[in-house]
Amino acid sequence: MTTIMTNFSEEELKICIKDTVKEALREFSNFQNDPSSDNLLSISEASKYTHLAKQTLYGLTSRREIPFIKKGKKLYFKRIELEAWIMEGRKLTKQEIN
């Protein structure tokens, strides 16, 4: 980490902080509106993403063990929800337990 010392007036510091916050909010907004950040996946795409067989996914949805959306006869999955579901199964390491 590099430390930079400068002489800002109070007003210049406020402007610098405002600009930085505006830029961060703009980037966050772009991320939220990014269609790839929360795609709806078909059963085939979800199968590839999770490395689970389609039949396994059908079983998990019928037992309501995995988050899904059903529209008509089609199943859809949100990528972010699948990732969260996978992370629920995470086990602590020995170091984390200690």
PDB file of N, CA and C in Angstrom:
ATOM      1  N   MET A   1       0.840  -1.168   0.000  1.00  0.00           N
ATOM      2  CA  MET A   1       0.000   0.000   0.000  1.00  0.00           C
ATOM      3  C   MET A   1       0.887   1.233   0.000  1.00  0.00           C
ATOM      4  N   THR A   2       0.561   2.209  -0.830  1.00  0.00           N
ATOM      5  CA  THR A   2       1.328   3.437  -0.929  1.00  0.00           C
ATOM      6  C   THR A   2       0.588   4.555  -0.225  1.00  0.00           C
ATOM      7  N   THR A   3       1.300   5.317   0.578  1.00  0.00           N
ATOM      8  CA  THR A   3       0.711   6.452   1.266  1.00  0.00           C
ATOM      9  C   THR A   3       1.138   7.718   0.546  1.00  0.00           C
ATOM     10  N   ILE A   4       0.172   8.558   0.228  1.00  0.00           N
ATOM     11  CA  ILE A   4       0.451   9.820  -0.444  1.00  0.00           C
ATOM     12  C   ILE A   4      -0.020  10.949   0.456  1.00  0.00           C
ATOM     13  N   MET A   5       0.859  11.858   0.739  1.00  0.00           N
ATOM     14  CA  MET A   5       0.533  13.010   1.585  1.00  0.00           C
ATOM     15  C   MET A   5       0.371  14.233   0.680  1.00  0.00           C
ATOM     16  N   THR A   6      -0.740  14.911   0.787  1.00  0.00           N
ATOM     17  CA  THR A   6      -0.951  16.137   0.021  1.00  0.00           C
ATOM     18  C   THR A   6      -1.581  17.183   0.922  1.00  0.00           C
ATOM     19  N   ASN A   7      -1.537  18.411   0.471  1.00  0.00           N
ATOM     20  CA  ASN A   7      -2.149  19.511   1.209  1.00  0.00           C
ATOM     21  C   ASN A   7      -3.422  19.948   0.499  1.00  0.00           C
ATOM     22  N   PHE A   8      -4.549  19.410   0.944  1.00  0.00           N
ATOM     23  CA  PHE A   8      -5.848  19.805   0.404  1.00  0.00           C
ATOM     24  C   PHE A   8      -6.484  20.797   1.363  1.00  0.00           C
ATOM     25  N   SER A   9      -7.163  21.757   0.792  1.00  0.00           N
ATOM     26  CA  SER A   9      -7.999  22.596   1.646  1.00  0.00           C
ATOM     27  C   SER A   9      -9.227  21.770   1.995  1.00  0.00           C
ATOM     28  N   GLU A  10      -9.975  22.194   2.980  1.00  0.00           N
ATOM     29  CA  GLU A  10     -11.178  21.460   3.378  1.00  0.00           C
ATOM     30  C   GLU A  10     -12.138  21.330   2.202  1.00  0.00           C
ATOM     31  N   GLU A  11     -12.295  22.390   1.434  1.00  0.00           N
ATOM     32  CA  GLU A  11     -13.210  22.382   0.286  1.00  0.00           C
ATOM     33  C   GLU A  11     -12.722  21.423  -0.800  1.00  0.00           C
ATOM     34  N   GLU A  12     -11.417  21.412  -1.077  1.00  0.00           N
ATOM     35  CA  GLU A  12     -10.859  20.512  -2.082  1.00  0.00           C
ATOM     36  C   GLU A  12     -11.036  19.052  -1.657  1.00  0.00           C
ATOM     37  N   LEU A  13     -10.856  18.786  -0.366  1.00  0.00           N
ATOM     38  CA  LEU A  13     -11.037  17.428   0.149  1.00  0.00           C
ATOM     39  C   LEU A  13     -12.489  16.981  -0.009  1.00  0.00           C
ATOM     40  N   LYS A  14     -13.444  17.869   0.290  1.00  0.00           N
ATOM     41  CA  LYS A  14     -14.868  17.543   0.126  1.00  0.00           C
ATOM     42  C   LYS A  14     -15.181  17.217  -1.329  1.00  0.00           C
ATOM     43  N   ILE A  15     -14.656  18.017  -2.239  1.00  0.00           N
ATOM     44  CA  ILE A  15     -14.899  17.794  -3.669  1.00  0.00           C
ATOM     45  C   ILE A  15     -14.303  16.454  -4.099  1.00  0.00           C
ATOM     46  N   CYS A  16     -13.100  16.167  -3.644  1.00  0.00           N
ATOM     47  CA  CYS A  16     -12.438  14.903  -3.981  1.00  0.00           C
ATOM     48  C   CYS A  16     -13.250  13.708  -3.470  1.00  0.00           C
ATOM     49  N   ILE A  17     -13.722  13.791  -2.237  1.00  0.00           N
ATOM     50  CA  ILE A  17     -14.523  12.706  -1.663  1.00  0.00           C
ATOM     51  C   ILE A  17     -15.839  12.554  -2.417  1.00  0.00           C
ATOM     52  N   LYS A  18     -16.493  13.674  -2.723  1.00  0.00           N
ATOM     53  CA  LYS A  18     -17.761  13.633  -3.476  1.00  0.00           C
ATOM     54  C   LYS A  18     -17.564  12.958  -4.821  1.00  0.00           C
ATOM     55  N   ASP A  19     -16.510  13.355  -5.543  1.00  0.00           N
ATOM     56  CA  ASP A  19     -16.250  12.770  -6.855  1.00  0.00           C
ATOM     57  C   ASP A  19     -15.991  11.269  -6.754  1.00  0.00           C
ATOM     58  N   THR A  20     -15.254  10.862  -5.730  1.00  0.00           N
ATOM     59  CA  THR A  20     -14.954   9.440  -5.533  1.00  0.00           C
ATOM     60  C   THR A  20     -16.221   8.650  -5.228  1.00  0.00           C
ATOM     61  N   VAL A  21     -17.078   9.200  -4.377  1.00  0.00           N
ATOM     62  CA  VAL A  21     -18.338   8.527  -4.035  1.00  0.00           C
ATOM     63  C   VAL A  21     -19.241   8.452  -5.262  1.00  0.00           C
ATOM     64  N   LYS A  22     -19.326   9.532  -6.042  1.00  0.00           N
ATOM     65  CA  LYS A  22     -20.141   9.530  -7.267  1.00  0.00           C
ATOM     66  C   LYS A  22     -19.661   8.445  -8.228  1.00  0.00           C
ATOM     67  N   GLU A  23     -18.350   8.341  -8.397  1.00  0.00           N
ATOM     68  CA  GLU A  23     -17.794   7.333  -9.294  1.00  0.00           C
ATOM     69  C   GLU A  23     -18.111   5.922  -8.795  1.00  0.00           C
ATOM     70  N   ALA A  24     -17.980   5.695  -7.488  1.00  0.00           N
ATOM     71  CA  ALA A  24     -18.289   4.383  -6.918  1.00  0.00           C
ATOM     72  C   ALA A  24     -19.762   4.039  -7.112  1.00  0.00           C
ATOM     73  N   LEU A  25     -20.642   5.006  -6.885  1.00  0.00           N
ATOM     74  CA  LEU A  25     -22.078   4.770  -7.078  1.00  0.00           C
ATOM     75  C   LEU A  25     -22.402   4.482  -8.538  1.00  0.00           C
ATOM     76  N   ARG A  26     -21.745   5.182  -9.446  1.00  0.00           N
ATOM     77  CA  ARG A  26     -21.964   4.965 -10.877  1.00  0.00           C
ATOM     78  C   ARG A  26     -21.528   3.547 -11.255  1.00  0.00           C
ATOM     79  N   GLU A  27     -20.363   3.111 -10.750  1.00  0.00           N
ATOM     80  CA  GLU A  27     -19.891   1.755 -11.037  1.00  0.00           C
ATOM     81  C   GLU A  27     -20.825   0.709 -10.448  1.00  0.00           C
ATOM     82  N   PHE A  28     -21.320   0.948  -9.224  1.00  0.00           N
ATOM     83  CA  PHE A  28     -22.253   0.022  -8.581  1.00  0.00           C
ATOM     84  C   PHE A  28     -23.549  -0.061  -9.377  1.00  0.00           C
ATOM     85  N   SER A  29     -24.026   1.079  -9.841  1.00  0.00           N
ATOM     86  CA  SER A  29     -25.250   1.123 -10.640  1.00  0.00           C
ATOM     87  C   SER A  29     -25.066   0.358 -11.942  1.00  0.00           C
ATOM     88  N   ASN A  30     -23.907   0.519 -12.574  1.00  0.00           N
ATOM     89  CA  ASN A  30     -23.630  -0.211 -13.812  1.00  0.00           C
ATOM     90  C   ASN A  30     -23.592  -1.709 -13.566  1.00  0.00           C
ATOM     91  N   PHE A  31     -23.029  -2.117 -12.421  1.00  0.00           N
ATOM     92  CA  PHE A  31     -22.976  -3.535 -12.079  1.00  0.00           C
ATOM     93  C   PHE A  31     -24.376  -4.090 -11.887  1.00  0.00           C
ATOM     94  N   GLN A  32     -25.237  -3.341 -11.182  1.00  0.00           N
ATOM     95  CA  GLN A  32     -26.599  -3.823 -10.929  1.00  0.00           C
ATOM     96  C   GLN A  32     -27.390  -3.938 -12.222  1.00  0.00           C
ATOM     97  N   ASN A  33     -27.129  -3.042 -13.175  1.00  0.00           N
ATOM     98  CA  ASN A  33     -27.860  -3.054 -14.442  1.00  0.00           C
ATOM     99  C   ASN A  33     -27.224  -3.972 -15.471  1.00  0.00           C
ATOM    100  N   ASP A  34     -26.076  -4.564 -15.117  1.00  0.00           N
ATOM    101  CA  ASP A  34     -25.392  -5.470 -16.021  1.00  0.00           C
ATOM    102  C   ASP A  34     -26.191  -6.761 -16.138  1.00  0.00           C
ATOM    103  N   PRO A  35     -26.706  -7.059 -17.322  1.00  0.00           N
ATOM    104  CA  PRO A  35     -27.535  -8.252 -17.457  1.00  0.00           C
ATOM    105  C   PRO A  35     -26.803  -9.542 -17.122  1.00  0.00           C
ATOM    106  N   SER A  36     -25.480  -9.562 -17.240  1.00  0.00           N
ATOM    107  CA  SER A  36     -24.749 -10.801 -16.945  1.00  0.00           C
ATOM    108  C   SER A  36     -24.612 -11.041 -15.450  1.00  0.00           C
ATOM    109  N   SER A  37     -24.903 -10.023 -14.607  1.00  0.00           N
ATOM    110  CA  SER A  37     -24.725 -10.207 -13.171  1.00  0.00           C
ATOM    111  C   SER A  37     -25.876 -10.996 -12.538  1.00  0.00           C
ATOM    112  N   ASP A  38     -27.013 -11.077 -13.202  1.00  0.00           N
ATOM    113  CA  ASP A  38     -28.145 -11.797 -12.620  1.00  0.00           C
ATOM    114  C   ASP A  38     -28.962 -12.473 -13.718  1.00  0.00           C
ATOM    115  N   ASN A  39     -28.265 -13.158 -14.610  1.00  0.00           N
ATOM    116  CA  ASN A  39     -28.931 -13.817 -15.728  1.00  0.00           C
ATOM    117  C   ASN A  39     -29.926 -14.861 -15.263  1.00  0.00           C
ATOM    118  N   LEU A  40     -30.951 -15.027 -16.062  1.00  0.00           N
ATOM    119  CA  LEU A  40     -31.821 -16.188 -15.895  1.00  0.00           C
ATOM    120  C   LEU A  40     -31.229 -17.299 -16.745  1.00  0.00           C
ATOM    121  N   LEU A  41     -31.079 -18.449 -16.153  1.00  0.00           N
ATOM    122  CA  LEU A  41     -30.499 -19.589 -16.858  1.00  0.00           C
ATOM    123  C   LEU A  41     -31.571 -20.635 -17.119  1.00  0.00           C
ATOM    124  N   SER A  42     -31.496 -21.270 -18.261  1.00  0.00           N
ATOM    125  CA  SER A  42     -32.377 -22.398 -18.562  1.00  0.00           C
ATOM    126  C   SER A  42     -31.876 -23.606 -17.778  1.00  0.00           C
ATOM    127  N   ILE A  43     -32.613 -24.686 -17.841  1.00  0.00           N
ATOM    128  CA  ILE A  43     -32.200 -25.904 -17.137  1.00  0.00           C
ATOM    129  C   ILE A  43     -30.853 -26.403 -17.669  1.00  0.00           C
ATOM    130  N   SER A  44     -30.641 -26.307 -18.983  1.00  0.00           N
ATOM    131  CA  SER A  44     -29.368 -26.743 -19.574  1.00  0.00           C
ATOM    132  C   SER A  44     -28.218 -25.866 -19.109  1.00  0.00           C
ATOM    133  N   GLU A  45     -28.439 -24.545 -19.106  1.00  0.00           N
ATOM    134  CA  GLU A  45     -27.391 -23.620 -18.669  1.00  0.00           C
ATOM    135  C   GLU A  45     -27.099 -23.797 -17.180  1.00  0.00           C
ATOM    136  N   ALA A  46     -28.146 -24.009 -16.383  1.00  0.00           N
ATOM    137  CA  ALA A  46     -27.964 -24.225 -14.947  1.00  0.00           C
ATOM    138  C   ALA A  46     -27.208 -25.521 -14.701  1.00  0.00           C
ATOM    139  N   SER A  47     -27.467 -26.521 -15.510  1.00  0.00           N
ATOM    140  CA  SER A  47     -26.764 -27.797 -15.398  1.00  0.00           C
ATOM    141  C   SER A  47     -25.273 -27.613 -15.653  1.00  0.00           C
ATOM    142  N   LYS A  48     -24.949 -26.859 -16.692  1.00  0.00           N
ATOM    143  CA  LYS A  48     -23.537 -26.590 -16.997  1.00  0.00           C
ATOM    144  C   LYS A  48     -22.903 -25.742 -15.896  1.00  0.00           C
ATOM    145  N   TYR A  49     -23.625 -24.744 -15.419  1.00  0.00           N
ATOM    146  CA  TYR A  49     -23.087 -23.830 -14.406  1.00  0.00           C
ATOM    147  C   TYR A  49     -22.807 -24.545 -13.087  1.00  0.00           C
ATOM    148  N   THR A  50     -23.727 -25.417 -12.672  1.00  0.00           N
ATOM    149  CA  THR A  50     -23.581 -26.105 -11.376  1.00  0.00           C
ATOM    150  C   THR A  50     -22.838 -27.440 -11.481  1.00  0.00           C
ATOM    151  N   HIS A  51     -22.628 -27.916 -12.700  1.00  0.00           N
ATOM    152  CA  HIS A  51     -22.020 -29.232 -12.933  1.00  0.00           C
ATOM    153  C   HIS A  51     -22.892 -30.339 -12.350  1.00  0.00           C
ATOM    154  N   LEU A  52     -24.207 -30.119 -12.393  1.00  0.00           N
ATOM    155  CA  LEU A  52     -25.163 -31.139 -11.966  1.00  0.00           C
ATOM    156  C   LEU A  52     -25.965 -31.584 -13.181  1.00  0.00           C
ATOM    157  N   ALA A  53     -26.341 -32.843 -13.201  1.00  0.00           N
ATOM    158  CA  ALA A  53     -27.156 -33.359 -14.302  1.00  0.00           C
ATOM    159  C   ALA A  53     -28.531 -32.688 -14.287  1.00  0.00           C
ATOM    160  N   LYS A  54     -29.124 -32.572 -15.464  1.00  0.00           N
ATOM    161  CA  LYS A  54     -30.472 -31.978 -15.547  1.00  0.00           C
ATOM    162  C   LYS A  54     -31.440 -32.738 -14.651  1.00  0.00           C
ATOM    163  N   GLN A  55     -31.336 -34.069 -14.660  1.00  0.00           N
ATOM    164  CA  GLN A  55     -32.245 -34.883 -13.850  1.00  0.00           C
ATOM    165  C   GLN A  55     -32.086 -34.559 -12.366  1.00  0.00           C
ATOM    166  N   THR A  56     -30.859 -34.288 -11.932  1.00  0.00           N
ATOM    167  CA  THR A  56     -30.610 -33.913 -10.536  1.00  0.00           C
ATOM    168  C   THR A  56     -31.281 -32.580 -10.237  1.00  0.00           C
ATOM    169  N   LEU A  57     -31.164 -31.631 -11.156  1.00  0.00           N
ATOM    170  CA  LEU A  57     -31.803 -30.325 -10.967  1.00  0.00           C
ATOM    171  C   LEU A  57     -33.323 -30.461 -10.905  1.00  0.00           C
ATOM    172  N   TYR A  58     -33.887 -31.310 -11.773  1.00  0.00           N
ATOM    173  CA  TYR A  58     -35.339 -31.534 -11.722  1.00  0.00           C
ATOM    174  C   TYR A  58     -35.749 -32.081 -10.357  1.00  0.00           C
ATOM    175  N   GLY A  59     -34.973 -33.027  -9.826  1.00  0.00           N
ATOM    176  CA  GLY A  59     -35.275 -33.589  -8.511  1.00  0.00           C
ATOM    177  C   GLY A  59     -35.182 -32.535  -7.414  1.00  0.00           C
ATOM    178  N   LEU A  60     -34.152 -31.706  -7.464  1.00  0.00           N
ATOM    179  CA  LEU A  60     -33.985 -30.655  -6.454  1.00  0.00           C
ATOM    180  C   LEU A  60     -35.130 -29.644  -6.509  1.00  0.00           C
ATOM    181  N   THR A  61     -35.586 -29.325  -7.721  1.00  0.00           N
ATOM    182  CA  THR A  61     -36.701 -28.372  -7.829  1.00  0.00           C
ATOM    183  C   THR A  61     -38.004 -28.998  -7.354  1.00  0.00           C
ATOM    184  N   SER A  62     -38.209 -30.271  -7.657  1.00  0.00           N
ATOM    185  CA  SER A  62     -39.466 -30.893  -7.230  1.00  0.00           C
ATOM    186  C   SER A  62     -39.540 -31.007  -5.711  1.00  0.00           C
ATOM    187  N   ARG A  63     -38.365 -31.141  -5.067  1.00  0.00           N
ATOM    188  CA  ARG A  63     -38.325 -31.185  -3.597  1.00  0.00           C
ATOM    189  C   ARG A  63     -38.119 -29.790  -2.997  1.00  0.00           C
ATOM    190  N   ARG A  64     -38.093 -28.785  -3.870  1.00  0.00           N
ATOM    191  CA  ARG A  64     -37.899 -27.370  -3.475  1.00  0.00           C
ATOM    192  C   ARG A  64     -36.651 -27.179  -2.619  1.00  0.00           C
ATOM    193  N   GLU A  65     -35.572 -27.809  -3.044  1.00  0.00           N
ATOM    194  CA  GLU A  65     -34.297 -27.710  -2.335  1.00  0.00           C
ATOM    195  C   GLU A  65     -33.349 -26.714  -2.995  1.00  0.00           C
ATOM    196  N   ILE A  66     -33.752 -26.167  -4.126  1.00  0.00           N
ATOM    197  CA  ILE A  66     -32.918 -25.233  -4.873  1.00  0.00           C
ATOM    198  C   ILE A  66     -33.829 -24.093  -5.358  1.00  0.00           C
ATOM    199  N   PRO A  67     -33.338 -22.848  -5.346  1.00  0.00           N
ATOM    200  CA  PRO A  67     -34.186 -21.738  -5.810  1.00  0.00           C
ATOM    201  C   PRO A  67     -34.392 -21.800  -7.328  1.00  0.00           C
ATOM    202  N   PHE A  68     -35.631 -21.627  -7.750  1.00  0.00           N
ATOM    203  CA  PHE A  68     -35.938 -21.673  -9.178  1.00  0.00           C
ATOM    204  C   PHE A  68     -37.183 -20.849  -9.468  1.00  0.00           C
ATOM    205  N   ILE A  69     -37.400 -20.622 -10.755  1.00  0.00           N
ATOM    206  CA  ILE A  69     -38.583 -19.907 -11.236  1.00  0.00           C
ATOM    207  C   ILE A  69     -39.246 -20.827 -12.251  1.00  0.00           C
ATOM    208  N   LYS A  70     -40.562 -20.955 -12.152  1.00  0.00           N
ATOM    209  CA  LYS A  70     -41.281 -21.778 -13.118  1.00  0.00           C
ATOM    210  C   LYS A  70     -42.285 -20.893 -13.841  1.00  0.00           C
ATOM    211  N   LYS A  71     -42.180 -20.855 -15.154  1.00  0.00           N
ATOM    212  CA  LYS A  71     -43.110 -20.105 -15.995  1.00  0.00           C
ATOM    213  C   LYS A  71     -43.642 -21.081 -17.022  1.00  0.00           C
ATOM    214  N   GLY A  72     -44.921 -21.413 -16.859  1.00  0.00           N
ATOM    215  CA  GLY A  72     -45.481 -22.450 -17.724  1.00  0.00           C
ATOM    216  C   GLY A  72     -44.819 -23.768 -17.383  1.00  0.00           C
ATOM    217  N   LYS A  73     -44.277 -24.431 -18.401  1.00  0.00           N
ATOM    218  CA  LYS A  73     -43.582 -25.700 -18.163  1.00  0.00           C
ATOM    219  C   LYS A  73     -42.066 -25.524 -18.118  1.00  0.00           C
ATOM    220  N   LYS A  74     -41.606 -24.290 -18.215  1.00  0.00           N
ATOM    221  CA  LYS A  74     -40.172 -23.997 -18.247  1.00  0.00           C
ATOM    222  C   LYS A  74     -39.635 -23.665 -16.860  1.00  0.00           C
ATOM    223  N   LEU A  75     -38.427 -24.130 -16.574  1.00  0.00           N
ATOM    224  CA  LEU A  75     -37.727 -23.804 -15.338  1.00  0.00           C
ATOM    225  C   LEU A  75     -36.606 -22.823 -15.650  1.00  0.00           C
ATOM    226  N   TYR A  76     -36.440 -21.844 -14.771  1.00  0.00           N
ATOM    227  CA  TYR A  76     -35.360 -20.873 -14.893  1.00  0.00           C
ATOM    228  C   TYR A  76     -34.675 -20.743 -13.545  1.00  0.00           C
ATOM    229  N   PHE A  77     -33.410 -20.364 -13.593  1.00  0.00           N
ATOM    230  CA  PHE A  77     -32.621 -20.201 -12.381  1.00  0.00           C
ATOM    231  C   PHE A  77     -31.856 -18.888 -12.479  1.00  0.00           C
ATOM    232  N   LYS A  78     -31.790 -18.153 -11.370  1.00  0.00           N
ATOM    233  CA  LYS A  78     -30.970 -16.950 -11.331  1.00  0.00           C
ATOM    234  C   LYS A  78     -29.557 -17.374 -10.965  1.00  0.00           C
ATOM    235  N   ARG A  79     -28.606 -16.929 -11.757  1.00  0.00           N
ATOM    236  CA  ARG A  79     -27.206 -17.296 -11.541  1.00  0.00           C
ATOM    237  C   ARG A  79     -26.758 -16.958 -10.116  1.00  0.00           C
ATOM    238  N   ILE A  80     -27.110 -15.770  -9.636  1.00  0.00           N
ATOM    239  CA  ILE A  80     -26.680 -15.325  -8.308  1.00  0.00           C
ATOM    240  C   ILE A  80     -27.292 -16.191  -7.203  1.00  0.00           C
ATOM    241  N   GLU A  81     -28.538 -16.642  -7.409  1.00  0.00           N
ATOM    242  CA  GLU A  81     -29.181 -17.513  -6.417  1.00  0.00           C
ATOM    243  C   GLU A  81     -28.551 -18.903  -6.423  1.00  0.00           C
ATOM    244  N   LEU A  82     -28.163 -19.384  -7.603  1.00  0.00           N
ATOM    245  CA  LEU A  82     -27.489 -20.679  -7.669  1.00  0.00           C
ATOM    246  C   LEU A  82     -26.144 -20.615  -6.945  1.00  0.00           C
ATOM    247  N   GLU A  83     -25.425 -19.518  -7.140  1.00  0.00           N
ATOM    248  CA  GLU A  83     -24.140 -19.357  -6.469  1.00  0.00           C
ATOM    249  C   GLU A  83     -24.324 -19.336  -4.950  1.00  0.00           C
ATOM    250  N   ALA A  84     -25.330 -18.613  -4.477  1.00  0.00           N
ATOM    251  CA  ALA A  84     -25.608 -18.561  -3.038  1.00  0.00           C
ATOM    252  C   ALA A  84     -25.995 -19.949  -2.523  1.00  0.00           C
ATOM    253  N   TRP A  85     -26.796 -20.683  -3.280  1.00  0.00           N
ATOM    254  CA  TRP A  85     -27.212 -22.031  -2.895  1.00  0.00           C
ATOM    255  C   TRP A  85     -25.999 -22.954  -2.784  1.00  0.00           C
ATOM    256  N   ILE A  86     -25.087 -22.847  -3.730  1.00  0.00           N
ATOM    257  CA  ILE A  86     -23.873 -23.662  -3.691  1.00  0.00           C
ATOM    258  C   ILE A  86     -23.047 -23.305  -2.461  1.00  0.00           C
ATOM    259  N   MET A  87     -22.930 -22.016  -2.171  1.00  0.00           N
ATOM    260  CA  MET A  87     -22.118 -21.570  -1.039  1.00  0.00           C
ATOM    261  C   MET A  87     -22.709 -21.994   0.310  1.00  0.00           C
ATOM    262  N   GLU A  88     -24.005 -22.277   0.363  1.00  0.00           N
ATOM    263  CA  GLU A  88     -24.620 -22.765   1.603  1.00  0.00           C
ATOM    264  C   GLU A  88     -23.987 -24.080   2.046  1.00  0.00           C
ATOM    265  N   GLY A  89     -23.455 -24.827   1.112  1.00  0.00           N
ATOM    266  CA  GLY A  89     -22.851 -26.119   1.422  1.00  0.00           C
ATOM    267  C   GLY A  89     -21.391 -26.022   1.828  1.00  0.00           C
ATOM    268  N   ARG A  90     -20.871 -24.811   1.897  1.00  0.00           N
ATOM    269  CA  ARG A  90     -19.456 -24.621   2.238  1.00  0.00           C
ATOM    270  C   ARG A  90     -19.170 -25.105   3.651  1.00  0.00           C
ATOM    271  N   LYS A  91     -18.086 -25.835   3.793  1.00  0.00           N
ATOM    272  CA  LYS A  91     -17.654 -26.342   5.091  1.00  0.00           C
ATOM    273  C   LYS A  91     -16.478 -25.501   5.595  1.00  0.00           C
ATOM    274  N   LEU A  92     -16.423 -25.289   6.895  1.00  0.00           N
ATOM    275  CA  LEU A  92     -15.327 -24.535   7.498  1.00  0.00           C
ATOM    276  C   LEU A  92     -14.036 -25.325   7.449  1.00  0.00           C
ATOM    277  N   THR A  93     -12.925 -24.635   7.283  1.00  0.00           N
ATOM    278  CA  THR A  93     -11.623 -25.299   7.335  1.00  0.00           C
ATOM    279  C   THR A  93     -11.246 -25.523   8.791  1.00  0.00           C
ATOM    280  N   LYS A  94     -10.249 -26.351   9.030  1.00  0.00           N
ATOM    281  CA  LYS A  94      -9.794 -26.595  10.398  1.00  0.00           C
ATOM    282  C   LYS A  94      -9.341 -25.287  11.037  1.00  0.00           C
ATOM    283  N   GLN A  95      -8.671 -24.457  10.257  1.00  0.00           N
ATOM    284  CA  GLN A  95      -8.188 -23.167  10.771  1.00  0.00           C
ATOM    285  C   GLN A  95      -9.365 -22.271  11.191  1.00  0.00           C
ATOM    286  N   GLU A  96     -10.419 -22.241  10.383  1.00  0.00           N
ATOM    287  CA  GLU A  96     -11.590 -21.439  10.716  1.00  0.00           C
ATOM    288  C   GLU A  96     -12.295 -21.978  11.962  1.00  0.00           C
ATOM    289  N   ILE A  97     -12.306 -23.275  12.139  1.00  0.00           N
ATOM    290  CA  ILE A  97     -12.954 -23.876  13.311  1.00  0.00           C
ATOM    291  C   ILE A  97     -12.184 -23.513  14.575  1.00  0.00           C
ATOM    292  N   ASN A  98     -10.861 -23.536  14.493  1.00  0.00           N
ATOM    293  CA  ASN A  98     -10.025 -23.184  15.643  1.00  0.00           C
ATOM    294  C   ASN A  98     -10.135 -21.708  15.884  1.00  0.00           C
TER     295      ASN A  98
END
